[in-house]
Amino acid sequence: MSIITRIAWLAVGCGACGNFAPPPAEMPWLHGLRVIAITDEPSEAAAHHAGERGATGEAAYGALELHADLTGDNEPETALVSYQLGVVVLDAHDHVIARRGAFASEGSSDSIVSLAIGDAGLTSPVLAVASQAGGHRESTVTLSLLRVVDHGLVTVFEQPIETHEGDSTYAGAVVLAPGRLTYRAPDTSANVRFVFDPQRNRYLAQPSPVPLD
């Protein structure tokens, strides 16, 4: 995608939103998230905490961990992610309050790429998880957006965001705005608009993708 086309696409996705947040280096395809905390670096503390909860070997050492208020109780929760463990949220007293199961095992490239906590324009912060699945020649990075709701972890959006085929990489993009987002898959030039449905607690795709010129 050319620079001019990319700028035009972002203008379409963002519309008239103000104070547009640029993508962080750790998640270069995620636009509009007001980042509270972000990491793409595994740590010994994360590995230790993942091991305490059942992750083993490389799955534990590849764990990522962040701390921020995810529930609105003015106390920092811990978000812990590893490929084998899945996504776990712990309260300030180290009790598990929400979790999502392990990521599906597909190949040697299976890993957690990055983890972020931020404001997506909803009523509470989101967890953004980028996970990679596949092998040495072909793999896919999936972007998942999750929220802690009623002591559960709800996936509000999840789509492929980057693909690797041999030496080639194809990147998509997500542009967040209050109550909505625009998504472009890695293998297409069409925008798909999503609107957040608070009753279903997820973003719902709207009809008629819009092709880029």
N, C-alpha and C. Protein backbone atom coordinates (compact mmCIF):
# COMPACT_ATOMS: atom_id res chain seq x y z
N MET A 1 0.85 -1.19 0.00
CA MET A 1 0.00 0.00 0.00
C MET A 1 0.88 1.24 0.00
N SER A 2 0.62 2.20 -0.89
CA SER A 2 1.41 3.42 -0.98
C SER A 2 1.15 4.31 0.23
N ILE A 3 2.07 5.28 0.46
CA ILE A 3 1.89 6.21 1.58
C ILE A 3 0.62 7.03 1.40
N ILE A 4 0.36 7.48 0.15
CA ILE A 4 -0.82 8.29 -0.11
C ILE A 4 -2.09 7.50 0.16
N THR A 5 -2.13 6.25 -0.32
CA THR A 5 -3.30 5.41 -0.08
C THR A 5 -3.49 5.16 1.40
N ARG A 6 -2.39 4.94 2.11
CA ARG A 6 -2.48 4.67 3.55
C ARG A 6 -3.06 5.87 4.29
N ILE A 7 -2.60 7.08 3.94
CA ILE A 7 -3.13 8.28 4.58
C ILE A 7 -4.61 8.45 4.28
N ALA A 8 -5.00 8.19 3.03
CA ALA A 8 -6.40 8.30 2.66
C ALA A 8 -7.25 7.30 3.42
N TRP A 9 -6.72 6.08 3.58
CA TRP A 9 -7.48 5.06 4.30
C TRP A 9 -7.68 5.45 5.75
N LEU A 10 -6.62 6.00 6.38
CA LEU A 10 -6.74 6.40 7.77
C LEU A 10 -7.72 7.55 7.92
N ALA A 11 -7.76 8.44 6.96
CA ALA A 11 -8.72 9.54 7.03
C ALA A 11 -10.14 9.01 6.97
N VAL A 12 -10.37 8.01 6.11
CA VAL A 12 -11.70 7.39 6.03
C VAL A 12 -12.05 6.71 7.34
N GLY A 13 -11.07 5.99 7.93
CA GLY A 13 -11.34 5.24 9.14
C GLY A 13 -11.58 6.13 10.34
N CYS A 14 -10.82 7.21 10.43
CA CYS A 14 -10.93 8.06 11.61
C CYS A 14 -12.06 9.06 11.49
N GLY A 15 -12.34 9.51 10.26
CA GLY A 15 -13.40 10.50 10.09
C GLY A 15 -13.05 11.78 10.81
N ALA A 16 -13.99 12.27 11.63
CA ALA A 16 -13.78 13.56 12.30
C ALA A 16 -13.30 13.41 13.74
N CYS A 17 -12.80 12.22 14.10
CA CYS A 17 -12.39 12.02 15.49
C CYS A 17 -11.23 12.95 15.84
N GLY A 18 -11.22 13.45 17.08
CA GLY A 18 -10.18 14.37 17.50
C GLY A 18 -9.13 13.66 18.33
N ASN A 19 -7.95 14.33 18.43
CA ASN A 19 -6.85 13.78 19.22
C ASN A 19 -6.54 12.35 18.84
N PHE A 20 -6.43 12.10 17.55
CA PHE A 20 -6.23 10.73 17.04
C PHE A 20 -4.91 10.17 17.53
N ALA A 21 -4.95 8.98 18.14
CA ALA A 21 -3.75 8.36 18.69
C ALA A 21 -3.04 7.56 17.60
N PRO A 22 -1.78 7.84 17.32
CA PRO A 22 -1.04 7.08 16.31
C PRO A 22 -0.75 5.66 16.81
N PRO A 23 -0.40 4.75 15.92
CA PRO A 23 -0.13 3.38 16.35
C PRO A 23 1.17 3.29 17.14
N PRO A 24 1.20 2.51 18.20
CA PRO A 24 2.46 2.30 18.93
C PRO A 24 3.38 1.39 18.13
N ALA A 25 4.67 1.49 18.37
CA ALA A 25 5.64 0.67 17.65
C ALA A 25 5.40 -0.82 17.87
N GLU A 26 4.91 -1.18 19.06
CA GLU A 26 4.68 -2.60 19.37
C GLU A 26 3.46 -3.16 18.65
N MET A 27 2.56 -2.29 18.19
CA MET A 27 1.37 -2.70 17.46
C MET A 27 1.15 -1.71 16.31
N PRO A 28 1.96 -1.80 15.26
CA PRO A 28 1.96 -0.76 14.23
C PRO A 28 0.71 -0.71 13.37
N TRP A 29 -0.19 -1.70 13.51
CA TRP A 29 -1.43 -1.73 12.73
C TRP A 29 -2.64 -1.28 13.54
N LEU A 30 -2.42 -0.87 14.80
CA LEU A 30 -3.54 -0.49 15.67
C LEU A 30 -3.53 1.02 15.89
N HIS A 31 -4.47 1.71 15.26
CA HIS A 31 -4.56 3.16 15.32
C HIS A 31 -5.71 3.58 16.24
N GLY A 32 -5.52 4.66 16.97
CA GLY A 32 -6.60 5.23 17.75
C GLY A 32 -6.72 4.74 19.17
N LEU A 33 -5.88 3.79 19.58
CA LEU A 33 -5.90 3.32 20.97
C LEU A 33 -5.08 4.27 21.83
N ARG A 34 -5.70 4.81 22.87
CA ARG A 34 -4.97 5.65 23.83
C ARG A 34 -4.30 4.72 24.85
N VAL A 35 -3.03 4.48 24.62
CA VAL A 35 -2.32 3.44 25.35
C VAL A 35 -2.08 3.86 26.81
N ILE A 36 -2.44 2.96 27.71
CA ILE A 36 -2.15 3.12 29.13
C ILE A 36 -0.85 2.39 29.49
N ALA A 37 -0.70 1.18 28.95
CA ALA A 37 0.51 0.38 29.16
C ALA A 37 0.67 -0.55 27.97
N ILE A 38 1.90 -0.85 27.60
CA ILE A 38 2.14 -1.71 26.45
C ILE A 38 3.50 -2.39 26.58
N THR A 39 3.61 -3.60 26.06
CA THR A 39 4.89 -4.31 26.08
C THR A 39 4.95 -5.34 24.96
N ASP A 40 6.14 -5.59 24.47
CA ASP A 40 6.40 -6.74 23.61
C ASP A 40 7.62 -7.50 24.11
N GLU A 41 7.99 -7.23 25.38
CA GLU A 41 9.17 -7.84 25.98
C GLU A 41 8.80 -8.82 27.10
N PRO A 42 9.04 -10.12 26.90
CA PRO A 42 8.83 -11.08 27.99
C PRO A 42 9.72 -10.72 29.18
N SER A 43 9.25 -11.05 30.37
CA SER A 43 10.02 -10.74 31.58
C SER A 43 10.09 -11.96 32.48
N GLU A 44 11.06 -11.95 33.38
CA GLU A 44 11.19 -13.04 34.34
C GLU A 44 9.98 -13.10 35.26
N ALA A 45 9.47 -11.92 35.64
CA ALA A 45 8.29 -11.89 36.51
C ALA A 45 7.09 -12.51 35.81
N ALA A 46 6.89 -12.18 34.54
CA ALA A 46 5.77 -12.75 33.79
C ALA A 46 5.93 -14.26 33.65
N ALA A 47 7.16 -14.71 33.37
CA ALA A 47 7.41 -16.14 33.25
C ALA A 47 7.12 -16.87 34.56
N HIS A 48 7.53 -16.25 35.67
CA HIS A 48 7.28 -16.86 36.98
C HIS A 48 5.79 -16.95 37.27
N HIS A 49 5.07 -15.87 37.01
CA HIS A 49 3.63 -15.87 37.27
C HIS A 49 2.89 -16.83 36.34
N ALA A 50 3.34 -16.93 35.07
CA ALA A 50 2.71 -17.88 34.15
C ALA A 50 2.99 -19.31 34.58
N GLY A 51 4.21 -19.56 35.06
CA GLY A 51 4.55 -20.90 35.54
C GLY A 51 3.73 -21.30 36.75
N GLU A 52 3.46 -20.33 37.63
CA GLU A 52 2.63 -20.61 38.81
C GLU A 52 1.22 -21.04 38.42
N ARG A 53 0.79 -20.63 37.23
CA ARG A 53 -0.58 -20.93 36.80
C ARG A 53 -0.65 -21.98 35.71
N GLY A 54 0.45 -22.71 35.51
CA GLY A 54 0.39 -23.89 34.66
C GLY A 54 1.15 -23.84 33.36
N ALA A 55 1.68 -22.68 32.96
CA ALA A 55 2.47 -22.61 31.73
C ALA A 55 3.83 -23.26 31.96
N THR A 56 4.34 -23.93 30.93
CA THR A 56 5.60 -24.65 31.07
C THR A 56 6.57 -24.24 29.96
N GLY A 57 7.87 -24.42 30.22
CA GLY A 57 8.90 -24.25 29.21
C GLY A 57 8.86 -22.90 28.52
N GLU A 58 9.00 -22.94 27.16
CA GLU A 58 9.04 -21.71 26.38
C GLU A 58 7.76 -20.90 26.51
N ALA A 59 6.63 -21.59 26.72
CA ALA A 59 5.35 -20.88 26.85
C ALA A 59 5.38 -19.94 28.05
N ALA A 60 6.03 -20.37 29.14
CA ALA A 60 6.14 -19.51 30.31
C ALA A 60 7.12 -18.37 30.05
N TYR A 61 8.27 -18.68 29.43
CA TYR A 61 9.28 -17.66 29.21
C TYR A 61 8.87 -16.64 28.15
N GLY A 62 7.87 -16.96 27.33
CA GLY A 62 7.38 -16.00 26.36
C GLY A 62 6.21 -15.19 26.86
N ALA A 63 5.90 -15.29 28.15
CA ALA A 63 4.73 -14.60 28.72
C ALA A 63 4.96 -13.09 28.79
N LEU A 64 3.86 -12.34 28.63
CA LEU A 64 3.87 -10.89 28.77
C LEU A 64 2.95 -10.49 29.92
N GLU A 65 3.27 -9.39 30.58
CA GLU A 65 2.51 -8.96 31.76
C GLU A 65 2.45 -7.45 31.82
N LEU A 66 1.25 -6.92 32.17
CA LEU A 66 1.06 -5.49 32.36
C LEU A 66 0.19 -5.25 33.59
N HIS A 67 0.25 -4.01 34.11
CA HIS A 67 -0.53 -3.65 35.28
C HIS A 67 -1.28 -2.35 35.00
N ALA A 68 -2.59 -2.35 35.24
CA ALA A 68 -3.42 -1.16 35.06
C ALA A 68 -4.80 -1.45 35.64
N ASP A 69 -5.57 -0.39 35.87
CA ASP A 69 -6.94 -0.55 36.36
C ASP A 69 -7.84 -0.95 35.19
N LEU A 70 -8.30 -2.19 35.21
CA LEU A 70 -9.15 -2.72 34.14
C LEU A 70 -10.62 -2.79 34.51
N THR A 71 -10.94 -2.62 35.78
CA THR A 71 -12.31 -2.83 36.24
C THR A 71 -12.96 -1.58 36.82
N GLY A 72 -12.21 -0.49 36.96
CA GLY A 72 -12.77 0.74 37.52
C GLY A 72 -12.82 0.78 39.03
N ASP A 73 -12.05 -0.10 39.68
CA ASP A 73 -12.04 -0.12 41.14
C ASP A 73 -10.90 0.71 41.74
N ASN A 74 -10.19 1.43 40.87
CA ASN A 74 -9.07 2.27 41.29
C ASN A 74 -7.92 1.49 41.89
N GLU A 75 -7.85 0.22 41.57
CA GLU A 75 -6.72 -0.61 41.97
C GLU A 75 -6.17 -1.27 40.71
N PRO A 76 -4.84 -1.41 40.62
CA PRO A 76 -4.28 -2.00 39.40
C PRO A 76 -4.49 -3.51 39.34
N GLU A 77 -5.06 -3.98 38.24
CA GLU A 77 -5.11 -5.41 37.97
C GLU A 77 -3.87 -5.81 37.18
N THR A 78 -3.60 -7.10 37.14
CA THR A 78 -2.50 -7.64 36.35
C THR A 78 -3.06 -8.43 35.17
N ALA A 79 -2.61 -8.10 33.98
CA ALA A 79 -2.96 -8.87 32.79
C ALA A 79 -1.76 -9.72 32.43
N LEU A 80 -1.96 -11.02 32.38
CA LEU A 80 -0.89 -11.98 32.12
C LEU A 80 -1.28 -12.82 30.90
N VAL A 81 -0.39 -12.89 29.92
CA VAL A 81 -0.70 -13.59 28.67
C VAL A 81 0.45 -14.51 28.30
N SER A 82 0.14 -15.77 28.02
CA SER A 82 1.10 -16.66 27.40
C SER A 82 0.35 -17.57 26.43
N TYR A 83 1.07 -18.11 25.47
CA TYR A 83 0.39 -18.90 24.43
C TYR A 83 -0.29 -20.13 25.02
N GLN A 84 0.38 -20.77 25.96
CA GLN A 84 -0.16 -21.99 26.57
C GLN A 84 -1.23 -21.69 27.61
N LEU A 85 -1.04 -20.59 28.32
CA LEU A 85 -1.95 -20.25 29.41
C LEU A 85 -3.20 -19.53 28.92
N GLY A 86 -3.05 -18.71 27.90
CA GLY A 86 -4.13 -17.85 27.45
C GLY A 86 -4.00 -16.48 28.09
N VAL A 87 -5.13 -15.84 28.38
CA VAL A 87 -5.15 -14.51 28.98
C VAL A 87 -5.76 -14.62 30.37
N VAL A 88 -5.04 -14.11 31.36
CA VAL A 88 -5.49 -14.18 32.75
C VAL A 88 -5.43 -12.78 33.35
N VAL A 89 -6.49 -12.39 34.06
CA VAL A 89 -6.51 -11.11 34.77
C VAL A 89 -6.61 -11.38 36.26
N LEU A 90 -5.68 -10.79 37.03
CA LEU A 90 -5.64 -10.98 38.48
C LEU A 90 -5.90 -9.65 39.17
N ASP A 91 -6.57 -9.71 40.33
CA ASP A 91 -6.82 -8.49 41.07
C ASP A 91 -5.59 -8.10 41.89
N ALA A 92 -5.73 -7.04 42.67
CA ALA A 92 -4.60 -6.53 43.44
C ALA A 92 -4.12 -7.51 44.51
N HIS A 93 -4.95 -8.51 44.81
CA HIS A 93 -4.59 -9.53 45.81
C HIS A 93 -4.15 -10.83 45.16
N ASP A 94 -3.87 -10.78 43.85
CA ASP A 94 -3.35 -11.92 43.09
C ASP A 94 -4.37 -13.03 42.89
N HIS A 95 -5.66 -12.68 42.97
CA HIS A 95 -6.72 -13.66 42.70
C HIS A 95 -7.17 -13.53 41.24
N VAL A 96 -7.39 -14.67 40.58
CA VAL A 96 -7.85 -14.65 39.20
C VAL A 96 -9.30 -14.15 39.16
N ILE A 97 -9.56 -13.10 38.40
CA ILE A 97 -10.93 -12.58 38.30
C ILE A 97 -11.51 -12.79 36.90
N ALA A 98 -10.67 -13.08 35.92
CA ALA A 98 -11.16 -13.32 34.56
C ALA A 98 -10.08 -14.03 33.76
N ARG A 99 -10.52 -14.86 32.80
CA ARG A 99 -9.52 -15.54 31.98
C ARG A 99 -10.11 -16.01 30.67
N ARG A 100 -9.25 -16.17 29.70
CA ARG A 100 -9.60 -16.79 28.42
C ARG A 100 -8.59 -17.89 28.16
N GLY A 101 -9.03 -19.01 27.60
CA GLY A 101 -8.19 -20.19 27.47
C GLY A 101 -7.02 -20.05 26.53
N ALA A 102 -6.26 -21.14 26.45
CA ALA A 102 -5.02 -21.17 25.66
C ALA A 102 -5.29 -20.88 24.18
N PHE A 103 -4.27 -20.36 23.52
CA PHE A 103 -4.33 -20.12 22.08
C PHE A 103 -4.10 -21.46 21.36
N ALA A 104 -4.73 -21.62 20.21
CA ALA A 104 -4.62 -22.88 19.46
C ALA A 104 -3.20 -23.07 18.95
N SER A 105 -2.64 -24.26 19.20
CA SER A 105 -1.29 -24.58 18.77
C SER A 105 -1.27 -24.93 17.29
N GLU A 106 -0.38 -24.25 16.52
CA GLU A 106 -0.33 -24.50 15.09
C GLU A 106 1.07 -24.79 14.56
N GLY A 107 2.11 -24.24 15.18
CA GLY A 107 3.45 -24.48 14.63
C GLY A 107 4.54 -23.79 15.42
N SER A 108 5.74 -23.77 14.81
CA SER A 108 6.94 -23.30 15.51
C SER A 108 6.94 -21.80 15.76
N SER A 109 6.10 -21.04 15.06
CA SER A 109 6.06 -19.60 15.25
C SER A 109 5.01 -19.15 16.27
N ASP A 110 4.32 -20.10 16.88
CA ASP A 110 3.30 -19.75 17.87
C ASP A 110 3.91 -18.89 18.98
N SER A 111 3.34 -17.73 19.22
CA SER A 111 3.89 -16.84 20.24
C SER A 111 2.94 -15.68 20.50
N ILE A 112 3.18 -15.00 21.61
CA ILE A 112 2.49 -13.74 21.90
C ILE A 112 3.41 -12.62 21.44
N VAL A 113 2.93 -11.80 20.51
CA VAL A 113 3.75 -10.76 19.91
C VAL A 113 3.80 -9.52 20.81
N SER A 114 2.65 -9.09 21.28
CA SER A 114 2.61 -7.88 22.11
C SER A 114 1.30 -7.82 22.88
N LEU A 115 1.29 -7.00 23.91
CA LEU A 115 0.14 -6.84 24.80
C LEU A 115 0.01 -5.37 25.15
N ALA A 116 -1.23 -4.84 25.10
CA ALA A 116 -1.47 -3.45 25.46
C ALA A 116 -2.74 -3.32 26.27
N ILE A 117 -2.80 -2.29 27.09
CA ILE A 117 -4.01 -1.87 27.78
C ILE A 117 -4.25 -0.43 27.38
N GLY A 118 -5.49 -0.12 26.98
CA GLY A 118 -5.73 1.24 26.55
C GLY A 118 -7.20 1.59 26.46
N ASP A 119 -7.44 2.84 26.14
CA ASP A 119 -8.79 3.40 26.00
C ASP A 119 -9.18 3.34 24.52
N ALA A 120 -10.22 2.55 24.21
CA ALA A 120 -10.70 2.41 22.84
C ALA A 120 -11.99 3.20 22.61
N GLY A 121 -12.35 4.06 23.57
CA GLY A 121 -13.57 4.83 23.43
C GLY A 121 -14.80 4.10 23.91
N LEU A 122 -14.61 3.05 24.71
CA LEU A 122 -15.72 2.34 25.32
C LEU A 122 -15.82 2.79 26.77
N THR A 123 -16.61 2.12 27.59
CA THR A 123 -16.81 2.56 28.97
C THR A 123 -15.75 2.05 29.92
N SER A 124 -14.89 1.15 29.47
CA SER A 124 -13.80 0.63 30.28
C SER A 124 -12.63 0.29 29.36
N PRO A 125 -11.42 0.18 29.91
CA PRO A 125 -10.26 -0.10 29.07
C PRO A 125 -10.37 -1.46 28.38
N VAL A 126 -9.60 -1.61 27.30
CA VAL A 126 -9.52 -2.89 26.59
C VAL A 126 -8.12 -3.45 26.73
N LEU A 127 -8.04 -4.77 26.66
CA LEU A 127 -6.78 -5.48 26.48
C LEU A 127 -6.62 -5.75 24.99
N ALA A 128 -5.50 -5.38 24.43
CA ALA A 128 -5.20 -5.70 23.05
C ALA A 128 -4.08 -6.74 23.04
N VAL A 129 -4.35 -7.89 22.43
CA VAL A 129 -3.39 -8.99 22.40
C VAL A 129 -3.09 -9.33 20.94
N ALA A 130 -1.82 -9.29 20.58
CA ALA A 130 -1.39 -9.74 19.26
C ALA A 130 -0.72 -11.08 19.40
N SER A 131 -1.29 -12.11 18.79
CA SER A 131 -0.76 -13.48 18.89
C SER A 131 -0.41 -13.99 17.50
N GLN A 132 0.69 -14.71 17.40
CA GLN A 132 1.13 -15.26 16.12
C GLN A 132 0.98 -16.78 16.14
N ALA A 133 0.45 -17.34 15.04
CA ALA A 133 0.26 -18.78 14.93
C ALA A 133 0.74 -19.24 13.56
N GLY A 134 1.41 -20.39 13.54
CA GLY A 134 1.86 -20.95 12.27
C GLY A 134 3.28 -21.46 12.38
N GLY A 135 3.89 -21.66 11.21
CA GLY A 135 5.23 -22.21 11.16
C GLY A 135 6.24 -21.23 10.60
N HIS A 136 7.41 -21.77 10.22
CA HIS A 136 8.51 -20.93 9.76
C HIS A 136 8.19 -20.24 8.44
N ARG A 137 7.52 -20.91 7.52
CA ARG A 137 7.24 -20.33 6.20
C ARG A 137 5.97 -19.50 6.16
N GLU A 138 4.94 -19.92 6.89
CA GLU A 138 3.67 -19.20 6.86
C GLU A 138 3.13 -19.04 8.27
N SER A 139 2.74 -17.83 8.61
CA SER A 139 2.16 -17.58 9.92
C SER A 139 1.23 -16.38 9.84
N THR A 140 0.35 -16.27 10.83
CA THR A 140 -0.63 -15.19 10.89
C THR A 140 -0.62 -14.56 12.27
N VAL A 141 -0.60 -13.23 12.30
CA VAL A 141 -0.75 -12.49 13.56
C VAL A 141 -2.21 -12.06 13.66
N THR A 142 -2.83 -12.40 14.78
CA THR A 142 -4.23 -12.04 15.04
C THR A 142 -4.30 -10.99 16.14
N LEU A 143 -5.12 -9.98 15.91
CA LEU A 143 -5.34 -8.95 16.92
C LEU A 143 -6.65 -9.22 17.64
N SER A 144 -6.58 -9.36 18.96
CA SER A 144 -7.76 -9.59 19.79
C SER A 144 -7.94 -8.41 20.75
N LEU A 145 -9.16 -7.89 20.82
CA LEU A 145 -9.51 -6.86 21.80
C LEU A 145 -10.45 -7.47 22.81
N LEU A 146 -10.13 -7.35 24.11
CA LEU A 146 -10.90 -7.98 25.16
C LEU A 146 -11.23 -6.97 26.25
N ARG A 147 -12.33 -7.23 26.98
CA ARG A 147 -12.72 -6.40 28.12
C ARG A 147 -13.07 -7.29 29.30
N VAL A 148 -12.81 -6.78 30.51
CA VAL A 148 -13.26 -7.45 31.72
C VAL A 148 -14.67 -6.95 32.02
N VAL A 149 -15.63 -7.87 32.01
CA VAL A 149 -17.03 -7.52 32.24
C VAL A 149 -17.65 -8.56 33.17
N ASP A 150 -18.21 -8.11 34.30
CA ASP A 150 -18.89 -9.01 35.24
C ASP A 150 -18.03 -10.22 35.58
N HIS A 151 -16.77 -9.95 35.92
CA HIS A 151 -15.84 -11.01 36.32
C HIS A 151 -15.64 -12.04 35.23
N GLY A 152 -15.77 -11.62 33.98
CA GLY A 152 -15.47 -12.47 32.84
C GLY A 152 -14.64 -11.69 31.84
N LEU A 153 -13.97 -12.39 30.93
CA LEU A 153 -13.16 -11.76 29.91
C LEU A 153 -13.85 -11.97 28.57
N VAL A 154 -14.31 -10.89 27.96
CA VAL A 154 -15.10 -10.94 26.73
C VAL A 154 -14.25 -10.47 25.56
N THR A 155 -14.25 -11.26 24.48
CA THR A 155 -13.56 -10.86 23.26
C THR A 155 -14.51 -10.00 22.44
N VAL A 156 -14.19 -8.71 22.29
CA VAL A 156 -15.08 -7.79 21.59
C VAL A 156 -14.73 -7.67 20.10
N PHE A 157 -13.51 -8.04 19.74
CA PHE A 157 -13.08 -8.00 18.34
C PHE A 157 -11.88 -8.93 18.19
N GLU A 158 -11.84 -9.66 17.05
CA GLU A 158 -10.70 -10.55 16.80
C GLU A 158 -10.61 -10.84 15.30
N GLN A 159 -9.51 -10.43 14.69
CA GLN A 159 -9.32 -10.63 13.26
C GLN A 159 -7.82 -10.74 12.94
N PRO A 160 -7.48 -11.42 11.84
CA PRO A 160 -6.08 -11.42 11.38
C PRO A 160 -5.63 -10.01 11.04
N ILE A 161 -4.38 -9.69 11.39
CA ILE A 161 -3.88 -8.34 11.17
C ILE A 161 -2.56 -8.32 10.40
N GLU A 162 -1.88 -9.44 10.33
CA GLU A 162 -0.62 -9.51 9.60
C GLU A 162 -0.36 -10.95 9.19
N THR A 163 0.07 -11.17 7.95
CA THR A 163 0.39 -12.51 7.48
C THR A 163 1.81 -12.54 6.95
N HIS A 164 2.44 -13.72 7.12
CA HIS A 164 3.81 -13.93 6.64
C HIS A 164 3.79 -15.14 5.72
N GLU A 165 4.30 -14.94 4.49
CA GLU A 165 4.40 -16.01 3.51
C GLU A 165 5.80 -15.98 2.93
N GLY A 166 6.65 -16.91 3.38
CA GLY A 166 8.05 -16.87 2.97
C GLY A 166 8.70 -15.58 3.42
N ASP A 167 9.26 -14.83 2.46
CA ASP A 167 9.92 -13.57 2.79
C ASP A 167 8.98 -12.37 2.72
N SER A 168 7.71 -12.61 2.43
CA SER A 168 6.75 -11.51 2.27
C SER A 168 5.88 -11.34 3.51
N THR A 169 5.61 -10.08 3.85
CA THR A 169 4.73 -9.74 4.97
C THR A 169 3.62 -8.82 4.47
N TYR A 170 2.38 -9.14 4.84
CA TYR A 170 1.23 -8.35 4.43
C TYR A 170 0.53 -7.86 5.70
N ALA A 171 0.37 -6.54 5.82
CA ALA A 171 -0.20 -5.97 7.03
C ALA A 171 -1.57 -5.36 6.76
N GLY A 172 -2.50 -5.57 7.69
CA GLY A 172 -3.78 -4.91 7.67
C GLY A 172 -3.75 -3.72 8.61
N ALA A 173 -4.91 -3.29 9.06
CA ALA A 173 -4.97 -2.16 9.99
C ALA A 173 -6.32 -2.12 10.69
N VAL A 174 -6.31 -1.58 11.89
CA VAL A 174 -7.54 -1.29 12.64
C VAL A 174 -7.47 0.17 13.09
N VAL A 175 -8.54 0.91 12.83
CA VAL A 175 -8.65 2.30 13.27
C VAL A 175 -9.81 2.38 14.26
N LEU A 176 -9.49 2.71 15.50
CA LEU A 176 -10.50 2.82 16.55
C LEU A 176 -11.03 4.24 16.66
N ALA A 177 -12.32 4.35 16.91
CA ALA A 177 -12.98 5.61 17.23
C ALA A 177 -14.07 5.28 18.26
N PRO A 178 -14.55 6.27 19.02
CA PRO A 178 -15.56 5.96 20.06
C PRO A 178 -16.75 5.20 19.50
N GLY A 179 -16.96 3.99 20.01
CA GLY A 179 -18.11 3.17 19.64
C GLY A 179 -18.03 2.49 18.30
N ARG A 180 -16.89 2.56 17.63
CA ARG A 180 -16.80 1.94 16.31
C ARG A 180 -15.34 1.71 15.96
N LEU A 181 -15.12 0.97 14.89
CA LEU A 181 -13.78 0.81 14.34
C LEU A 181 -13.88 0.49 12.86
N THR A 182 -12.78 0.68 12.16
CA THR A 182 -12.67 0.31 10.76
C THR A 182 -11.52 -0.68 10.63
N TYR A 183 -11.77 -1.75 9.87
CA TYR A 183 -10.80 -2.84 9.76
C TYR A 183 -10.47 -3.10 8.30
N ARG A 184 -9.18 -3.27 8.02
CA ARG A 184 -8.75 -3.74 6.72
C ARG A 184 -7.90 -4.99 6.93
N ALA A 185 -8.29 -6.09 6.31
CA ALA A 185 -7.56 -7.34 6.42
C ALA A 185 -6.24 -7.26 5.65
N PRO A 186 -5.28 -8.11 5.97
CA PRO A 186 -3.98 -8.05 5.28
C PRO A 186 -4.06 -8.35 3.79
N ASP A 187 -5.08 -9.09 3.36
CA ASP A 187 -5.14 -9.56 1.97
C ASP A 187 -6.17 -8.83 1.13
N THR A 188 -6.56 -7.62 1.53
CA THR A 188 -7.59 -6.91 0.79
C THR A 188 -7.37 -5.41 0.87
N SER A 189 -8.02 -4.66 -0.03
CA SER A 189 -7.96 -3.20 0.02
C SER A 189 -9.30 -2.62 0.46
N ALA A 190 -10.18 -3.46 0.99
CA ALA A 190 -11.52 -3.01 1.37
C ALA A 190 -11.60 -2.73 2.87
N ASN A 191 -12.26 -1.63 3.20
CA ASN A 191 -12.56 -1.31 4.59
C ASN A 191 -13.83 -2.03 5.03
N VAL A 192 -13.84 -2.53 6.24
CA VAL A 192 -15.07 -3.04 6.85
C VAL A 192 -15.30 -2.25 8.13
N ARG A 193 -16.46 -1.64 8.24
CA ARG A 193 -16.77 -0.85 9.43
C ARG A 193 -17.49 -1.72 10.45
N PHE A 194 -17.12 -1.55 11.71
CA PHE A 194 -17.73 -2.26 12.83
C PHE A 194 -18.30 -1.22 13.79
N VAL A 195 -19.45 -1.54 14.37
CA VAL A 195 -20.07 -0.69 15.39
C VAL A 195 -20.19 -1.50 16.67
N PHE A 196 -19.85 -0.88 17.81
CA PHE A 196 -19.93 -1.59 19.07
C PHE A 196 -21.37 -1.72 19.54
N ASP A 197 -21.78 -2.94 19.85
CA ASP A 197 -23.11 -3.22 20.37
C ASP A 197 -22.98 -3.47 21.88
N PRO A 198 -23.41 -2.55 22.73
CA PRO A 198 -23.23 -2.72 24.17
C PRO A 198 -24.02 -3.89 24.76
N GLN A 199 -25.13 -4.28 24.13
CA GLN A 199 -25.90 -5.41 24.64
C GLN A 199 -25.19 -6.73 24.36
N ARG A 200 -24.62 -6.86 23.18
CA ARG A 200 -23.87 -8.08 22.85
C ARG A 200 -22.40 -7.98 23.30
N ASN A 201 -21.99 -6.77 23.65
CA ASN A 201 -20.64 -6.52 24.14
C ASN A 201 -19.57 -6.93 23.13
N ARG A 202 -19.79 -6.54 21.88
CA ARG A 202 -18.78 -6.77 20.86
C ARG A 202 -19.03 -5.85 19.67
N TYR A 203 -18.00 -5.72 18.85
CA TYR A 203 -18.12 -4.95 17.61
C TYR A 203 -18.79 -5.83 16.56
N LEU A 204 -19.78 -5.27 15.87
CA LEU A 204 -20.50 -5.99 14.83
C LEU A 204 -20.18 -5.37 13.48
N ALA A 205 -19.84 -6.23 12.51
CA ALA A 205 -19.52 -5.74 11.17
C ALA A 205 -20.75 -5.18 10.50
N GLN A 206 -20.55 -4.09 9.79
CA GLN A 206 -21.62 -3.47 9.02
C GLN A 206 -21.53 -3.91 7.56
N PRO A 207 -22.62 -3.88 6.82
CA PRO A 207 -22.61 -4.37 5.45
C PRO A 207 -21.82 -3.45 4.51
N SER A 208 -21.55 -3.99 3.32
CA SER A 208 -20.96 -3.24 2.20
C SER A 208 -19.57 -2.70 2.50
N PRO A 209 -18.53 -3.57 2.42
CA PRO A 209 -17.16 -3.07 2.52
C PRO A 209 -16.90 -2.01 1.45
N VAL A 210 -16.04 -1.06 1.79
CA VAL A 210 -15.76 0.05 0.87
C VAL A 210 -14.37 -0.15 0.27
N PRO A 211 -14.26 -0.43 -1.07
CA PRO A 211 -12.93 -0.62 -1.68
C PRO A 211 -12.16 0.69 -1.77
N LEU A 212 -10.85 0.58 -1.65
CA LEU A 212 -10.00 1.76 -1.83
C LEU A 212 -9.73 1.97 -3.32
N ASP A 213 -9.51 3.21 -3.72
CA ASP A 213 -9.14 3.52 -5.09
C ASP A 213 -7.67 3.12 -5.32
